[in-house]
């Protein structure tokens, strides 16, 4: 089976059978972690340098990415950008209360933190989407949206993977996708 090139949300990607490895990707072999890390590092080094951002934008990004917002600021800002009714994948679900007691304390703490992160992330995606004029996305905007939505998906998977093993077997069937 040969690889096929796809494009979704402005992002190009290649689908391959799991046994194939594309040139430039991390080798999926048993040759050792060091070789995979070295290949990955060489791949990163060979990438072209990116153009710097506007200084004011870069300064804002660097500051905001290294400092936590005040709780009130996070709540007020995320409230302005709650997930739209037609974007059900951005709704942050909560754990069923009848299952909550069967989940260990460490996992519950992680779950609460991940819910908070997802809510902020969904608000960021919504704010970004509302900033797009006329609903027409440029290639850069499509890429940004695809990356943000993928991060949202990955966080949801992390939540499920953390909770599922700790559940009492009688509740495990509720977590299976239908």
Protein backbone atom coordinates (compact mmCIF):
# COMPACT_ATOMS: atom_id res chain seq x y z
CA UNK A 1 0.00 0.00 0.00
CA UNK A 2 1.54 3.32 -1.03
CA UNK A 3 1.38 6.59 0.92
CA UNK A 4 -1.30 9.10 0.00
CA UNK A 5 -1.01 12.85 0.42
CA UNK A 6 -3.93 14.66 2.05
CA UNK A 7 -4.74 18.28 2.90
CA UNK A 8 -7.20 19.26 5.63
CA UNK A 9 -7.70 22.67 7.20
CA UNK A 10 -4.72 23.95 5.24
CA UNK A 11 -2.36 21.33 6.72
CA UNK A 12 -0.67 18.80 4.44
CA UNK A 13 -0.06 15.33 5.77
CA UNK A 14 0.78 11.90 4.43
CA UNK A 15 -1.09 8.71 5.25
CA UNK A 16 1.01 5.57 5.20
CA UNK A 17 0.56 2.01 6.32
CA UNK A 18 1.89 1.63 9.87
CA UNK A 19 4.83 -0.47 8.68
CA UNK A 20 6.20 2.22 6.35
CA UNK A 21 8.37 5.15 7.36
CA UNK A 22 8.57 8.30 5.31
CA UNK A 23 11.94 9.89 4.58
CA UNK A 24 12.75 12.54 7.19
CA UNK A 25 10.42 11.11 9.80
CA UNK A 26 11.51 9.49 13.03
CA UNK A 27 12.43 5.88 12.26
CA UNK A 28 10.06 3.37 13.83
CA UNK A 29 12.63 0.67 14.41
CA UNK A 30 14.29 -1.09 17.28
CA UNK A 31 17.68 0.47 16.60
CA UNK A 32 17.48 2.43 19.81
CA UNK A 33 16.21 5.62 21.30
CA UNK A 34 19.46 7.51 20.66
CA UNK A 35 19.26 6.92 16.92
CA UNK A 36 15.61 8.08 16.82
CA UNK A 37 16.44 11.20 18.85
CA UNK A 38 19.45 11.96 16.66
CA UNK A 39 17.37 11.60 13.49
CA UNK A 40 14.67 13.84 14.95
CA UNK A 41 17.27 16.44 15.98
CA UNK A 42 18.83 16.41 12.49
CA UNK A 43 15.37 16.83 10.98
CA UNK A 44 14.76 19.88 13.17
CA UNK A 45 18.19 21.34 12.34
CA UNK A 46 17.56 21.02 8.59
CA UNK A 47 14.32 23.02 8.72
CA UNK A 48 14.53 26.54 7.34
CA UNK A 49 14.65 29.35 9.89
CA UNK A 50 11.33 31.09 10.33
CA UNK A 51 10.77 34.80 9.89
CA UNK A 52 10.56 36.61 13.22
CA UNK A 53 7.22 38.03 14.31
CA UNK A 54 6.49 41.70 14.83
CA UNK A 55 8.32 42.75 18.03
CA UNK A 56 5.14 43.81 19.87
CA UNK A 57 3.39 40.56 19.00
CA UNK A 58 6.43 38.50 19.99
CA UNK A 59 6.73 40.41 23.28
CA UNK A 60 3.06 39.72 24.06
CA UNK A 61 3.41 36.03 23.21
CA UNK A 62 6.58 35.62 25.26
CA UNK A 63 5.07 37.35 28.28
CA UNK A 64 1.69 35.60 28.16
CA UNK A 65 3.25 32.19 27.54
CA UNK A 66 5.48 32.54 30.60
CA UNK A 67 3.05 34.14 33.11
CA UNK A 68 -0.26 32.85 34.40
CA UNK A 69 -3.28 35.10 34.02
CA UNK A 70 -5.14 36.09 37.14
CA UNK A 71 -8.10 33.82 37.89
CA UNK A 72 -10.61 36.67 37.42
CA UNK A 73 -9.09 37.62 34.06
CA UNK A 74 -9.28 34.00 32.87
CA UNK A 75 -12.91 33.65 33.95
CA UNK A 76 -14.05 36.96 32.45
CA UNK A 77 -12.23 36.39 29.17
CA UNK A 78 -13.32 32.77 28.74
CA UNK A 79 -16.92 33.74 29.55
CA UNK A 80 -16.89 36.18 26.60
CA UNK A 81 -15.91 33.35 24.25
CA UNK A 82 -17.96 30.34 25.34
CA UNK A 83 -18.17 27.60 22.74
CA UNK A 84 -20.86 28.28 20.12
CA UNK A 85 -23.91 26.00 20.05
CA UNK A 86 -22.89 24.58 16.66
CA UNK A 87 -19.39 23.58 17.87
CA UNK A 88 -20.29 20.65 20.12
CA UNK A 89 -16.72 19.32 20.08
CA UNK A 90 -15.61 22.40 22.01
CA UNK A 91 -18.02 21.75 24.89
CA UNK A 92 -16.08 20.62 27.96
CA UNK A 93 -17.76 17.56 29.36
CA UNK A 94 -17.68 16.63 33.03
CA UNK A 95 -17.39 13.22 34.59
CA UNK A 96 -20.67 11.58 35.54
CA UNK A 97 -21.22 12.14 39.29
CA UNK A 98 -22.02 8.47 39.89
CA UNK A 99 -18.57 7.56 38.50
CA UNK A 100 -16.67 10.38 40.26
CA UNK A 101 -16.42 8.47 43.55
CA UNK A 102 -14.77 5.50 41.84
CA UNK A 103 -11.92 7.60 40.45
CA UNK A 104 -8.80 8.01 42.58
CA UNK A 105 -7.94 11.36 44.14
CA UNK A 106 -4.90 11.97 41.92
CA UNK A 107 -6.88 11.33 38.75
CA UNK A 108 -9.73 13.57 40.01
CA UNK A 109 -7.25 16.42 40.59
CA UNK A 110 -5.80 15.90 37.10
CA UNK A 111 -9.32 15.80 35.63
CA UNK A 112 -10.28 19.12 37.23
CA UNK A 113 -7.09 20.75 35.90
CA UNK A 114 -7.60 19.34 32.40
CA UNK A 115 -11.22 20.56 32.37
CA UNK A 116 -9.99 24.05 33.23
CA UNK A 117 -7.34 23.91 30.49
CA UNK A 118 -9.89 22.65 27.95
CA UNK A 119 -12.34 25.42 28.83
CA UNK A 120 -9.64 28.06 28.32
CA UNK A 121 -8.46 26.37 25.13
CA UNK A 122 -12.01 26.15 23.74
CA UNK A 123 -12.48 29.85 24.53
CA UNK A 124 -9.24 30.63 22.69
CA UNK A 125 -10.37 28.65 19.64
CA UNK A 126 -13.74 30.43 19.73
CA UNK A 127 -12.11 33.88 20.06
CA UNK A 128 -9.83 33.07 17.13
CA UNK A 129 -12.76 31.83 15.02
CA UNK A 130 -14.79 34.96 15.81
CA UNK A 131 -11.84 37.16 14.75
CA UNK A 132 -11.92 35.73 11.23
CA UNK A 133 -13.61 38.19 8.89
CA UNK A 134 -16.44 36.80 6.81
CA UNK A 135 -15.77 33.18 7.72
CA UNK A 136 -13.05 32.88 5.08
CA UNK A 137 -9.80 31.46 6.44
CA UNK A 138 -6.36 32.12 5.00
CA UNK A 139 -3.91 29.20 4.81
CA UNK A 140 -2.16 30.44 7.97
CA UNK A 141 -5.49 30.73 9.80
CA UNK A 142 -6.50 27.24 8.65
CA UNK A 143 -3.20 25.86 9.92
CA UNK A 144 -3.60 27.66 13.25
CA UNK A 145 -7.13 26.36 13.66
CA UNK A 146 -6.09 22.80 12.75
CA UNK A 147 -3.24 22.87 15.29
CA UNK A 148 -5.42 24.32 18.06
CA UNK A 149 -8.22 21.83 17.42
CA UNK A 150 -5.75 18.95 17.37
CA UNK A 151 -4.39 20.07 20.75
CA UNK A 152 -7.99 20.17 22.03
CA UNK A 153 -8.53 16.62 20.76
CA UNK A 154 -5.27 15.40 22.35
CA UNK A 155 -6.20 16.87 25.74
CA UNK A 156 -9.57 15.10 25.58
CA UNK A 157 -7.78 11.83 24.77
CA UNK A 158 -5.46 12.41 27.72
CA UNK A 159 -8.48 12.83 30.00
CA UNK A 160 -10.06 9.62 28.77
CA UNK A 161 -6.81 7.65 28.99
CA UNK A 162 -6.25 8.85 32.57
CA UNK A 163 -9.75 8.04 33.80
CA UNK A 164 -10.56 4.79 32.02
CA UNK A 165 -8.10 2.44 33.79
CA UNK A 166 -9.20 3.62 37.24
CA UNK A 167 -12.90 2.96 36.73
CA UNK A 168 -14.74 0.15 38.38
CA UNK A 169 -15.42 -2.49 35.68
CA UNK A 170 -19.18 -1.90 35.94
CA UNK A 171 -18.66 1.66 34.59
CA UNK A 172 -16.03 0.85 31.95
CA UNK A 173 -18.68 0.21 29.27
CA UNK A 174 -19.88 3.82 29.63
CA UNK A 175 -16.50 5.10 28.39
CA UNK A 176 -16.48 3.08 25.19
CA UNK A 177 -17.26 5.08 22.09
CA UNK A 178 -20.37 3.91 20.31
